[in-house]
Every structure is written in C-alpha cells, then in structure tokens.
Amino acid sequence: ENSCFFMDPESFEQISIKKDLLGDKIQLLTENLSVTISFLEENPLSVDLPTNIECEIESTEGVVKGQTAASSYKPAKLKNGLDIMVPPFIEEGNKIILDTRNLEYVKKVN
C-alpha cells in the first residue's frame, strides 16, 4: 500500500496521500489526528501535522553513572516505532510531547 487515507471532517470525503509525502512522520499518524493538507490544484503537496503531539515511550536505556543531566539525552523508542532522544529522567511508559517538525522531545506529560 503506497498511500494513506485522510477524511475531510466537513465533507467526509476520503483523500488519498502518497506515503512518500509524509516520510518518517507517517509513524506519528493516529486515528482522529487533525492534519492540514496543502494542495496545488487537485494534487496534495504536503501534510502538516499538529506541532506538538503526545507519544508514549516504549523503551529507553538507563542513565549511565557519572553522566551530567544537563548535557546528556539518551535514546528512546516510542510506541509508534520512532527513535528519539530524551532527557535522563524519562522512563518506559511515560507520555511525552513531541515536536513533529524536528521529531524532538518537548516535555513530559503529567
């Protein structure tokens, strides 16, 4: 399947978008996520996701002793399969806010 489908919330029309337009961000798509699709004539040009979305940490490494908290982020895998860097205090199961523009950690959700 080379495309994913979006529904126009007003007309309920299905819009087909080539997965290439989304790249890695396709993993951020969830049911009922509102996106903005830009068109040139009838052709979709880009898909803009909300700037910040909530994601859940599936797994992350422990903090290495002697590491300074300020300087060191550690690798983590999100439930959606994306790999990102997070601060040392983030643990498995935490919910975080992710910036969809650069796929960077923003903050922990309480």
PDB file of N, CA and C in Angstrom:
ATOM      1  N   GLU A   1       0.861  -1.198   0.000  1.00  0.00           N
ATOM      2  CA  GLU A   1       0.000   0.000   0.000  1.00  0.00           C
ATOM      3  C   GLU A   1       0.893   1.242   0.000  1.00  0.00           C
ATOM      4  N   ASN A   2       0.776   2.032  -1.047  1.00  0.00           N
ATOM      5  CA  ASN A   2       1.616   3.210  -1.223  1.00  0.00           C
ATOM      6  C   ASN A   2       0.995   4.495  -0.714  1.00  0.00           C
ATOM      7  N   SER A   3      -0.275   4.417  -0.310  1.00  0.00           N
ATOM      8  CA  SER A   3      -0.995   5.616   0.098  1.00  0.00           C
ATOM      9  C   SER A   3      -1.603   5.436   1.474  1.00  0.00           C
ATOM     10  N   CYS A   4      -1.893   6.575   2.109  1.00  0.00           N
ATOM     11  CA  CYS A   4      -2.711   6.518   3.309  1.00  0.00           C
ATOM     12  C   CYS A   4      -3.888   7.457   3.064  1.00  0.00           C
ATOM     13  N   PHE A   5      -4.945   7.246   3.803  1.00  0.00           N
ATOM     14  CA  PHE A   5      -6.174   7.979   3.537  1.00  0.00           C
ATOM     15  C   PHE A   5      -6.536   8.895   4.690  1.00  0.00           C
ATOM     16  N   PHE A   6      -6.998  10.078   4.333  1.00  0.00           N
ATOM     17  CA  PHE A   6      -7.455  11.056   5.303  1.00  0.00           C
ATOM     18  C   PHE A   6      -8.893  11.389   4.964  1.00  0.00           C
ATOM     19  N   MET A   7      -9.660  11.749   5.985  1.00  0.00           N
ATOM     20  CA  MET A   7     -11.045  12.104   5.737  1.00  0.00           C
ATOM     21  C   MET A   7     -11.241  13.583   6.007  1.00  0.00           C
ATOM     22  N   ASP A   8     -11.900  14.266   5.078  1.00  0.00           N
ATOM     23  CA  ASP A   8     -12.252  15.658   5.276  1.00  0.00           C
ATOM     24  C   ASP A   8     -13.377  15.695   6.315  1.00  0.00           C
ATOM     25  N   PRO A   9     -13.158  16.380   7.465  1.00  0.00           N
ATOM     26  CA  PRO A   9     -14.151  16.346   8.539  1.00  0.00           C
ATOM     27  C   PRO A   9     -15.462  17.058   8.175  1.00  0.00           C
ATOM     28  N   GLU A  10     -15.435  17.874   7.131  1.00  0.00           N
ATOM     29  CA  GLU A  10     -16.668  18.562   6.741  1.00  0.00           C
ATOM     30  C   GLU A  10     -17.439  17.796   5.683  1.00  0.00           C
ATOM     31  N   SER A  11     -16.746  17.342   4.641  1.00  0.00           N
ATOM     32  CA  SER A  11     -17.442  16.647   3.544  1.00  0.00           C
ATOM     33  C   SER A  11     -17.423  15.127   3.722  1.00  0.00           C
ATOM     34  N   PHE A  12     -16.593  14.636   4.648  1.00  0.00           N
ATOM     35  CA  PHE A  12     -16.381  13.200   4.876  1.00  0.00           C
ATOM     36  C   PHE A  12     -15.792  12.510   3.647  1.00  0.00           C
ATOM     37  N   GLU A  13     -15.246  13.303   2.730  1.00  0.00           N
ATOM     38  CA  GLU A  13     -14.607  12.769   1.536  1.00  0.00           C
ATOM     39  C   GLU A  13     -13.258  12.170   1.922  1.00  0.00           C
ATOM     40  N   GLN A  14     -12.924  11.017   1.323  1.00  0.00           N
ATOM     41  CA  GLN A  14     -11.629  10.381   1.571  1.00  0.00           C
ATOM     42  C   GLN A  14     -10.581  11.021   0.658  1.00  0.00           C
ATOM     43  N   ILE A  15      -9.442  11.379   1.240  1.00  0.00           N
ATOM     44  CA  ILE A  15      -8.351  11.962   0.463  1.00  0.00           C
ATOM     45  C   ILE A  15      -7.175  10.988   0.546  1.00  0.00           C
ATOM     46  N   SER A  16      -6.676  10.592  -0.613  1.00  0.00           N
ATOM     47  CA  SER A  16      -5.558   9.657  -0.655  1.00  0.00           C
ATOM     48  C   SER A  16      -4.255  10.439  -0.782  1.00  0.00           C
ATOM     49  N   ILE A  17      -3.294  10.141   0.073  1.00  0.00           N
ATOM     50  CA  ILE A  17      -1.991  10.818   0.072  1.00  0.00           C
ATOM     51  C   ILE A  17      -0.907   9.761  -0.087  1.00  0.00           C
ATOM     52  N   LYS A  18       0.035  10.023  -0.978  1.00  0.00           N
ATOM     53  CA  LYS A  18       1.174   9.099  -1.122  1.00  0.00           C
ATOM     54  C   LYS A  18       2.020   9.143   0.152  1.00  0.00           C
ATOM     55  N   LYS A  19       2.426   7.970   0.607  1.00  0.00           N
ATOM     56  CA  LYS A  19       3.194   7.871   1.849  1.00  0.00           C
ATOM     57  C   LYS A  19       4.521   8.631   1.758  1.00  0.00           C
ATOM     58  N   ASP A  20       5.064   8.766   0.538  1.00  0.00           N
ATOM     59  CA  ASP A  20       6.332   9.490   0.353  1.00  0.00           C
ATOM     60  C   ASP A  20       6.241  10.927   0.869  1.00  0.00           C
ATOM     61  N   LEU A  21       5.059  11.531   0.761  1.00  0.00           N
ATOM     62  CA  LEU A  21       4.876  12.917   1.204  1.00  0.00           C
ATOM     63  C   LEU A  21       5.104  13.054   2.702  1.00  0.00           C
ATOM     64  N   LEU A  22       4.890  11.977   3.440  1.00  0.00           N
ATOM     65  CA  LEU A  22       4.982  12.034   4.896  1.00  0.00           C
ATOM     66  C   LEU A  22       6.342  11.625   5.433  1.00  0.00           C
ATOM     67  N   GLY A  23       7.051  10.759   4.723  1.00  0.00           N
ATOM     68  CA  GLY A  23       8.352  10.294   5.214  1.00  0.00           C
ATOM     69  C   GLY A  23       8.218   9.622   6.575  1.00  0.00           C
ATOM     70  N   ASP A  24       9.165   9.914   7.482  1.00  0.00           N
ATOM     71  CA  ASP A  24       9.161   9.334   8.832  1.00  0.00           C
ATOM     72  C   ASP A  24       7.925   9.714   9.627  1.00  0.00           C
ATOM     73  N   LYS A  25       7.346  10.850   9.286  1.00  0.00           N
ATOM     74  CA  LYS A  25       6.222  11.356  10.078  1.00  0.00           C
ATOM     75  C   LYS A  25       4.989  10.480   9.964  1.00  0.00           C
ATOM     76  N   ILE A  26       4.996   9.549   9.002  1.00  0.00           N
ATOM     77  CA  ILE A  26       3.851   8.648   8.863  1.00  0.00           C
ATOM     78  C   ILE A  26       3.639   7.871  10.160  1.00  0.00           C
ATOM     79  N   GLN A  27       4.716   7.622  10.904  1.00  0.00           N
ATOM     80  CA  GLN A  27       4.612   6.872  12.159  1.00  0.00           C
ATOM     81  C   GLN A  27       3.902   7.677  13.251  1.00  0.00           C
ATOM     82  N   LEU A  28       3.769   8.988  13.048  1.00  0.00           N
ATOM     83  CA  LEU A  28       3.118   9.838  14.042  1.00  0.00           C
ATOM     84  C   LEU A  28       1.605   9.888  13.851  1.00  0.00           C
ATOM     85  N   LEU A  29       1.127   9.378  12.730  1.00  0.00           N
ATOM     86  CA  LEU A  29      -0.304   9.444  12.462  1.00  0.00           C
ATOM     87  C   LEU A  29      -1.073   8.527  13.396  1.00  0.00           C
ATOM     88  N   THR A  30      -2.148   9.055  13.944  1.00  0.00           N
ATOM     89  CA  THR A  30      -3.034   8.261  14.786  1.00  0.00           C
ATOM     90  C   THR A  30      -4.466   8.547  14.354  1.00  0.00           C
ATOM     91  N   GLU A  31      -5.352   7.666  14.741  1.00  0.00           N
ATOM     92  CA  GLU A  31      -6.774   7.838  14.469  1.00  0.00           C
ATOM     93  C   GLU A  31      -7.233   9.199  15.007  1.00  0.00           C
ATOM     94  N   ASN A  32      -8.019   9.912  14.233  1.00  0.00           N
ATOM     95  CA  ASN A  32      -8.607  11.201  14.631  1.00  0.00           C
ATOM     96  C   ASN A  32      -7.610  12.349  14.809  1.00  0.00           C
ATOM     97  N   LEU A  33      -6.365  12.186  14.349  1.00  0.00           N
ATOM     98  CA  LEU A  33      -5.405  13.286  14.401  1.00  0.00           C
ATOM     99  C   LEU A  33      -5.763  14.274  13.294  1.00  0.00           C
ATOM    100  N   SER A  34      -5.896  15.552  13.648  1.00  0.00           N
ATOM    101  CA  SER A  34      -6.201  16.572  12.636  1.00  0.00           C
ATOM    102  C   SER A  34      -4.915  17.014  11.961  1.00  0.00           C
ATOM    103  N   VAL A  35      -4.905  16.986  10.630  1.00  0.00           N
ATOM    104  CA  VAL A  35      -3.744  17.432   9.870  1.00  0.00           C
ATOM    105  C   VAL A  35      -4.206  18.484   8.866  1.00  0.00           C
ATOM    106  N   THR A  36      -3.256  19.255   8.356  1.00  0.00           N
ATOM    107  CA  THR A  36      -3.542  20.235   7.318  1.00  0.00           C
ATOM    108  C   THR A  36      -2.886  19.757   6.039  1.00  0.00           C
ATOM    109  N   ILE A  37      -3.676  19.628   4.993  1.00  0.00           N
ATOM    110  CA  ILE A  37      -3.144  19.164   3.708  1.00  0.00           C
ATOM    111  C   ILE A  37      -3.141  20.335   2.736  1.00  0.00           C
ATOM    112  N   SER A  38      -1.979  20.595   2.148  1.00  0.00           N
ATOM    113  CA  SER A  38      -1.870  21.669   1.154  1.00  0.00           C
ATOM    114  C   SER A  38      -1.964  21.068  -0.237  1.00  0.00           C
ATOM    115  N   PHE A  39      -2.757  21.709  -1.084  1.00  0.00           N
ATOM    116  CA  PHE A  39      -2.959  21.229  -2.452  1.00  0.00           C
ATOM    117  C   PHE A  39      -2.467  22.247  -3.461  1.00  0.00           C
ATOM    118  N   LEU A  40      -2.033  21.753  -4.616  1.00  0.00           N
ATOM    119  CA  LEU A  40      -1.816  22.590  -5.789  1.00  0.00           C
ATOM    120  C   LEU A  40      -2.763  22.017  -6.825  1.00  0.00           C
ATOM    121  N   GLU A  41      -3.768  22.779  -7.175  1.00  0.00           N
ATOM    122  CA  GLU A  41      -4.882  22.287  -7.978  1.00  0.00           C
ATOM    123  C   GLU A  41      -5.467  21.073  -7.256  1.00  0.00           C
ATOM    124  N   GLU A  42      -5.486  19.908  -7.877  1.00  0.00           N
ATOM    125  CA  GLU A  42      -6.074  18.736  -7.210  1.00  0.00           C
ATOM    126  C   GLU A  42      -5.031  17.886  -6.478  1.00  0.00           C
ATOM    127  N   ASN A  43      -3.754  18.236  -6.621  1.00  0.00           N
ATOM    128  CA  ASN A  43      -2.688  17.369  -6.108  1.00  0.00           C
ATOM    129  C   ASN A  43      -2.214  17.774  -4.715  1.00  0.00           C
ATOM    130  N   PRO A  44      -2.232  16.818  -3.771  1.00  0.00           N
ATOM    131  CA  PRO A  44      -1.712  17.126  -2.429  1.00  0.00           C
ATOM    132  C   PRO A  44      -0.211  17.407  -2.502  1.00  0.00           C
ATOM    133  N   LEU A  45       0.217  18.522  -1.914  1.00  0.00           N
ATOM    134  CA  LEU A  45       1.639  18.905  -1.907  1.00  0.00           C
ATOM    135  C   LEU A  45       2.323  18.513  -0.611  1.00  0.00           C
ATOM    136  N   SER A  46       1.625  18.734   0.504  1.00  0.00           N
ATOM    137  CA  SER A  46       2.238  18.457   1.803  1.00  0.00           C
ATOM    138  C   SER A  46       1.163  18.169   2.835  1.00  0.00           C
ATOM    139  N   VAL A  47       1.603  17.498   3.907  1.00  0.00           N
ATOM    140  CA  VAL A  47       0.729  17.210   5.032  1.00  0.00           C
ATOM    141  C   VAL A  47       1.404  17.778   6.272  1.00  0.00           C
ATOM    142  N   ASP A  48       0.728  18.705   6.923  1.00  0.00           N
ATOM    143  CA  ASP A  48       1.273  19.293   8.150  1.00  0.00           C
ATOM    144  C   ASP A  48       0.552  18.718   9.353  1.00  0.00           C
ATOM    145  N   LEU A  49       1.334  18.125  10.261  1.00  0.00           N
ATOM    146  CA  LEU A  49       0.783  17.592  11.495  1.00  0.00           C
ATOM    147  C   LEU A  49       0.720  18.704  12.528  1.00  0.00           C
ATOM    148  N   PRO A  50      -0.066  18.508  13.595  1.00  0.00           N
ATOM    149  CA  PRO A  50      -0.009  19.486  14.691  1.00  0.00           C
ATOM    150  C   PRO A  50       1.440  19.603  15.152  1.00  0.00           C
ATOM    151  N   THR A  51       1.854  20.775  15.603  1.00  0.00           N
ATOM    152  CA  THR A  51       3.245  20.979  16.009  1.00  0.00           C
ATOM    153  C   THR A  51       3.641  20.049  17.145  1.00  0.00           C
ATOM    154  N   ASN A  52       2.769  19.895  18.116  1.00  0.00           N
ATOM    155  CA  ASN A  52       3.072  19.040  19.265  1.00  0.00           C
ATOM    156  C   ASN A  52       2.056  17.915  19.360  1.00  0.00           C
ATOM    157  N   ILE A  53       2.547  16.691  19.491  1.00  0.00           N
ATOM    158  CA  ILE A  53       1.635  15.569  19.716  1.00  0.00           C
ATOM    159  C   ILE A  53       2.136  14.746  20.888  1.00  0.00           C
ATOM    160  N   GLU A  54       1.206  14.032  21.520  1.00  0.00           N
ATOM    161  CA  GLU A  54       1.554  13.193  22.661  1.00  0.00           C
ATOM    162  C   GLU A  54       1.957  11.810  22.169  1.00  0.00           C
ATOM    163  N   CYS A  55       3.058  11.308  22.687  1.00  0.00           N
ATOM    164  CA  CYS A  55       3.544   9.972  22.346  1.00  0.00           C
ATOM    165  C   CYS A  55       3.884   9.241  23.640  1.00  0.00           C
ATOM    166  N   GLU A  56       3.922   7.907  23.554  1.00  0.00           N
ATOM    167  CA  GLU A  56       4.291   7.124  24.731  1.00  0.00           C
ATOM    168  C   GLU A  56       5.637   6.447  24.502  1.00  0.00           C
ATOM    169  N   ILE A  57       6.456   6.439  25.556  1.00  0.00           N
ATOM    170  CA  ILE A  57       7.772   5.804  25.495  1.00  0.00           C
ATOM    171  C   ILE A  57       7.595   4.296  25.629  1.00  0.00           C
ATOM    172  N   GLU A  58       8.077   3.545  24.646  1.00  0.00           N
ATOM    173  CA  GLU A  58       8.010   2.084  24.729  1.00  0.00           C
ATOM    174  C   GLU A  58       9.205   1.553  25.504  1.00  0.00           C
ATOM    175  N   SER A  59      10.395   2.061  25.171  1.00  0.00           N
ATOM    176  CA  SER A  59      11.590   1.607  25.879  1.00  0.00           C
ATOM    177  C   SER A  59      12.648   2.691  25.831  1.00  0.00           C
ATOM    178  N   THR A  60      13.511   2.700  26.843  1.00  0.00           N
ATOM    179  CA  THR A  60      14.616   3.645  26.881  1.00  0.00           C
ATOM    180  C   THR A  60      15.730   3.043  27.725  1.00  0.00           C
ATOM    181  N   GLU A  61      16.923   3.513  27.504  1.00  0.00           N
ATOM    182  CA  GLU A  61      18.068   2.988  28.253  1.00  0.00           C
ATOM    183  C   GLU A  61      18.146   3.644  29.622  1.00  0.00           C
ATOM    184  N   GLY A  62      18.810   2.968  30.541  1.00  0.00           N
ATOM    185  CA  GLY A  62      19.048   3.562  31.855  1.00  0.00           C
ATOM    186  C   GLY A  62      20.086   4.663  31.744  1.00  0.00           C
ATOM    187  N   VAL A  63      20.149   5.473  32.767  1.00  0.00           N
ATOM    188  CA  VAL A  63      21.136   6.555  32.775  1.00  0.00           C
ATOM    189  C   VAL A  63      22.496   5.972  33.156  1.00  0.00           C
ATOM    190  N   VAL A  64      23.518   6.418  32.466  1.00  0.00           N
ATOM    191  CA  VAL A  64      24.879   5.974  32.754  1.00  0.00           C
ATOM    192  C   VAL A  64      25.409   6.776  33.938  1.00  0.00           C
ATOM    193  N   LYS A  65      25.984   6.083  34.918  1.00  0.00           N
ATOM    194  CA  LYS A  65      26.525   6.785  36.092  1.00  0.00           C
ATOM    195  C   LYS A  65      27.575   7.801  35.672  1.00  0.00           C
ATOM    196  N   GLY A  66      27.543   8.940  36.357  1.00  0.00           N
ATOM    197  CA  GLY A  66      28.532   9.968  36.068  1.00  0.00           C
ATOM    198  C   GLY A  66      28.132  10.878  34.919  1.00  0.00           C
ATOM    199  N   GLN A  67      27.009  10.567  34.302  1.00  0.00           N
ATOM    200  CA  GLN A  67      26.526  11.407  33.205  1.00  0.00           C
ATOM    201  C   GLN A  67      25.927  12.676  33.803  1.00  0.00           C
ATOM    202  N   THR A  68      26.169  13.812  33.184  1.00  0.00           N
ATOM    203  CA  THR A  68      25.549  15.037  33.693  1.00  0.00           C
ATOM    204  C   THR A  68      24.186  15.204  33.043  1.00  0.00           C
ATOM    205  N   ALA A  69      23.193  15.485  33.859  1.00  0.00           N
ATOM    206  CA  ALA A  69      21.806  15.563  33.386  1.00  0.00           C
ATOM    207  C   ALA A  69      21.627  16.640  32.323  1.00  0.00           C
ATOM    208  N   ALA A  70      22.325  17.744  32.475  1.00  0.00           N
ATOM    209  CA  ALA A  70      22.112  18.864  31.564  1.00  0.00           C
ATOM    210  C   ALA A  70      22.546  18.539  30.135  1.00  0.00           C
ATOM    211  N   SER A  71      23.644  17.811  30.005  1.00  0.00           N
ATOM    212  CA  SER A  71      24.220  17.651  28.674  1.00  0.00           C
ATOM    213  C   SER A  71      23.756  16.416  27.934  1.00  0.00           C
ATOM    214  N   SER A  72      23.208  15.450  28.670  1.00  0.00           N
ATOM    215  CA  SER A  72      23.072  14.167  28.004  1.00  0.00           C
ATOM    216  C   SER A  72      21.644  13.688  27.857  1.00  0.00           C
ATOM    217  N   TYR A  73      21.233  13.574  26.640  1.00  0.00           N
ATOM    218  CA  TYR A  73      19.973  12.916  26.337  1.00  0.00           C
ATOM    219  C   TYR A  73      20.298  11.458  26.063  1.00  0.00           C
ATOM    220  N   LYS A  74      19.296  10.586  26.179  1.00  0.00           N
ATOM    221  CA  LYS A  74      19.508   9.163  25.931  1.00  0.00           C
ATOM    222  C   LYS A  74      18.513   8.694  24.878  1.00  0.00           C
ATOM    223  N   PRO A  75      18.853   7.616  24.164  1.00  0.00           N
ATOM    224  CA  PRO A  75      17.946   7.108  23.134  1.00  0.00           C
ATOM    225  C   PRO A  75      16.691   6.494  23.746  1.00  0.00           C
ATOM    226  N   ALA A  76      15.579   6.667  23.051  1.00  0.00           N
ATOM    227  CA  ALA A  76      14.317   6.051  23.465  1.00  0.00           C
ATOM    228  C   ALA A  76      13.555   5.643  22.214  1.00  0.00           C
ATOM    229  N   LYS A  77      12.736   4.608  22.360  1.00  0.00           N
ATOM    230  CA  LYS A  77      11.862   4.190  21.259  1.00  0.00           C
ATOM    231  C   LYS A  77      10.428   4.501  21.677  1.00  0.00           C
ATOM    232  N   LEU A  78       9.700   5.140  20.763  1.00  0.00           N
ATOM    233  CA  LEU A  78       8.296   5.454  21.020  1.00  0.00           C
ATOM    234  C   LEU A  78       7.424   4.269  20.617  1.00  0.00           C
ATOM    235  N   LYS A  79       6.212   4.202  21.160  1.00  0.00           N
ATOM    236  CA  LYS A  79       5.270   3.117  20.827  1.00  0.00           C
ATOM    237  C   LYS A  79       4.997   3.061  19.328  1.00  0.00           C
ATOM    238  N   ASN A  80       5.114   4.207  18.643  1.00  0.00           N
ATOM    239  CA  ASN A  80       4.852   4.239  17.202  1.00  0.00           C
ATOM    240  C   ASN A  80       6.057   3.791  16.382  1.00  0.00           C
ATOM    241  N   GLY A  81       7.169   3.424  17.061  1.00  0.00           N
ATOM    242  CA  GLY A  81       8.329   2.894  16.356  1.00  0.00           C
ATOM    243  C   GLY A  81       9.435   3.900  16.102  1.00  0.00           C
ATOM    244  N   LEU A  82       9.177   5.187  16.321  1.00  0.00           N
ATOM    245  CA  LEU A  82      10.216   6.200  16.092  1.00  0.00           C
ATOM    246  C   LEU A  82      11.268   6.160  17.201  1.00  0.00           C
ATOM    247  N   ASP A  83      12.516   6.395  16.824  1.00  0.00           N
ATOM    248  CA  ASP A  83      13.609   6.525  17.787  1.00  0.00           C
ATOM    249  C   ASP A  83      13.909   8.000  17.968  1.00  0.00           C
ATOM    250  N   ILE A  84      13.931   8.452  19.229  1.00  0.00           N
ATOM    251  CA  ILE A  84      14.243   9.849  19.513  1.00  0.00           C
ATOM    252  C   ILE A  84      15.196   9.911  20.704  1.00  0.00           C
ATOM    253  N   MET A  85      15.641  11.110  21.034  1.00  0.00           N
ATOM    254  CA  MET A  85      16.484  11.320  22.208  1.00  0.00           C
ATOM    255  C   MET A  85      15.635  12.015  23.285  1.00  0.00           C
ATOM    256  N   VAL A  86      15.780  11.537  24.545  1.00  0.00           N
ATOM    257  CA  VAL A  86      15.012  12.099  25.651  1.00  0.00           C
ATOM    258  C   VAL A  86      15.928  12.393  26.839  1.00  0.00           C
ATOM    259  N   PRO A  87      15.479  13.266  27.749  1.00  0.00           N
ATOM    260  CA  PRO A  87      16.280  13.546  28.952  1.00  0.00           C
ATOM    261  C   PRO A  87      16.388  12.302  29.838  1.00  0.00           C
ATOM    262  N   PRO A  88      17.384  12.275  30.726  1.00  0.00           N
ATOM    263  CA  PRO A  88      17.650  11.102  31.554  1.00  0.00           C
ATOM    264  C   PRO A  88      16.478  10.673  32.449  1.00  0.00           C
ATOM    265  N   PHE A  89      15.609  11.614  32.853  1.00  0.00           N
ATOM    266  CA  PHE A  89      14.536  11.262  33.792  1.00  0.00           C
ATOM    267  C   PHE A  89      13.328  10.600  33.128  1.00  0.00           C
ATOM    268  N   ILE A  90      13.328  10.495  31.803  1.00  0.00           N
ATOM    269  CA  ILE A  90      12.206   9.865  31.099  1.00  0.00           C
ATOM    270  C   ILE A  90      12.345   8.348  31.175  1.00  0.00           C
ATOM    271  N   GLU A  91      11.229   7.665  31.498  1.00  0.00           N
ATOM    272  CA  GLU A  91      11.259   6.216  31.655  1.00  0.00           C
ATOM    273  C   GLU A  91      10.207   5.561  30.772  1.00  0.00           C
ATOM    274  N   GLU A  92      10.312   4.230  30.657  1.00  0.00           N
ATOM    275  CA  GLU A  92       9.325   3.455  29.905  1.00  0.00           C
ATOM    276  C   GLU A  92       7.924   3.763  30.403  1.00  0.00           C
ATOM    277  N   GLY A  93       6.983   3.898  29.464  1.00  0.00           N
ATOM    278  CA  GLY A  93       5.595   4.134  29.839  1.00  0.00           C
ATOM    279  C   GLY A  93       5.251   5.604  30.018  1.00  0.00           C
ATOM    280  N   ASN A  94       6.275   6.482  30.130  1.00  0.00           N
ATOM    281  CA  ASN A  94       5.992   7.917  30.241  1.00  0.00           C
ATOM    282  C   ASN A  94       5.350   8.413  28.960  1.00  0.00           C
ATOM    283  N   LYS A  95       4.487   9.403  29.097  1.00  0.00           N
ATOM    284  CA  LYS A  95       3.933  10.089  27.936  1.00  0.00           C
ATOM    285  C   LYS A  95       4.686  11.408  27.797  1.00  0.00           C
ATOM    286  N   ILE A  96       5.038  11.709  26.566  1.00  0.00           N
ATOM    287  CA  ILE A  96       5.788  12.942  26.312  1.00  0.00           C
ATOM    288  C   ILE A  96       5.107  13.724  25.186  1.00  0.00           C
ATOM    289  N   ILE A  97       5.488  14.985  25.077  1.00  0.00           N
ATOM    290  CA  ILE A  97       5.083  15.801  23.941  1.00  0.00           C
ATOM    291  C   ILE A  97       6.264  15.834  22.977  1.00  0.00           C
ATOM    292  N   LEU A  98       5.972  15.552  21.706  1.00  0.00           N
ATOM    293  CA  LEU A  98       6.990  15.523  20.660  1.00  0.00           C
ATOM    294  C   LEU A  98       6.717  16.643  19.671  1.00  0.00           C
ATOM    295  N   ASP A  99       7.760  17.355  19.263  1.00  0.00           N
ATOM    296  CA  ASP A  99       7.644  18.385  18.226  1.00  0.00           C
ATOM    297  C   ASP A  99       7.699  17.676  16.874  1.00  0.00           C
ATOM    298  N   THR A 100       6.619  17.733  16.105  1.00  0.00           N
ATOM    299  CA  THR A 100       6.562  16.983  14.852  1.00  0.00           C
ATOM    300  C   THR A 100       7.422  17.602  13.753  1.00  0.00           C
ATOM    301  N   ARG A 101       7.852  18.842  13.924  1.00  0.00           N
ATOM    302  CA  ARG A 101       8.666  19.478  12.876  1.00  0.00           C
ATOM    303  C   ARG A 101      10.074  18.912  12.844  1.00  0.00           C
ATOM    304  N   ASN A 102      10.639  18.631  14.016  1.00  0.00           N
ATOM    305  CA  ASN A 102      12.026  18.143  14.057  1.00  0.00           C
ATOM    306  C   ASN A 102      12.144  16.816  14.816  1.00  0.00           C
ATOM    307  N   LEU A 103      10.995  16.235  15.202  1.00  0.00           N
ATOM    308  CA  LEU A 103      10.953  14.967  15.939  1.00  0.00           C
ATOM    309  C   LEU A 103      11.793  15.032  17.213  1.00  0.00           C
ATOM    310  N   GLU A 104      11.671  16.158  17.944  1.00  0.00           N
ATOM    311  CA  GLU A 104      12.417  16.324  19.189  1.00  0.00           C
ATOM    312  C   GLU A 104      11.478  16.361  20.387  1.00  0.00           C
ATOM    313  N   TYR A 105      12.022  15.886  21.504  1.00  0.00           N
ATOM    314  CA  TYR A 105      11.330  15.906  22.788  1.00  0.00           C
ATOM    315  C   TYR A 105      11.019  17.341  23.175  1.00  0.00           C
ATOM    316  N   VAL A 106       9.795  17.598  23.676  1.00  0.00           N
ATOM    317  CA  VAL A 106       9.433  18.932  24.170  1.00  0.00           C
ATOM    318  C   VAL A 106       9.308  18.894  25.683  1.00  0.00           C
ATOM    319  N   LYS A 107       8.435  18.010  26.208  1.00  0.00           N
ATOM    320  CA  LYS A 107       8.245  17.922  27.664  1.00  0.00           C
ATOM    321  C   LYS A 107       7.536  16.626  28.026  1.00  0.00           C
ATOM    322  N   LYS A 108       7.598  16.318  29.315  1.00  0.00           N
ATOM    323  CA  LYS A 108       6.911  15.143  29.848  1.00  0.00           C
ATOM    324  C   LYS A 108       5.461  15.534  30.138  1.00  0.00           C
ATOM    325  N   VAL A 109       4.530  14.611  29.888  1.00  0.00           N
ATOM    326  CA  VAL A 109       3.126  14.837  30.212  1.00  0.00           C
ATOM    327  C   VAL A 109       2.855  14.248  31.579  1.00  0.00           C
ATOM    328  N   ASN A 110       2.242  15.018  32.459  1.00  0.00           N
ATOM    329  CA  ASN A 110       1.950  14.514  33.814  1.00  0.00           C
ATOM    330  C   ASN A 110       0.637  13.756  33.846  1.00  0.00           C
TER     331      ASN A 110
END
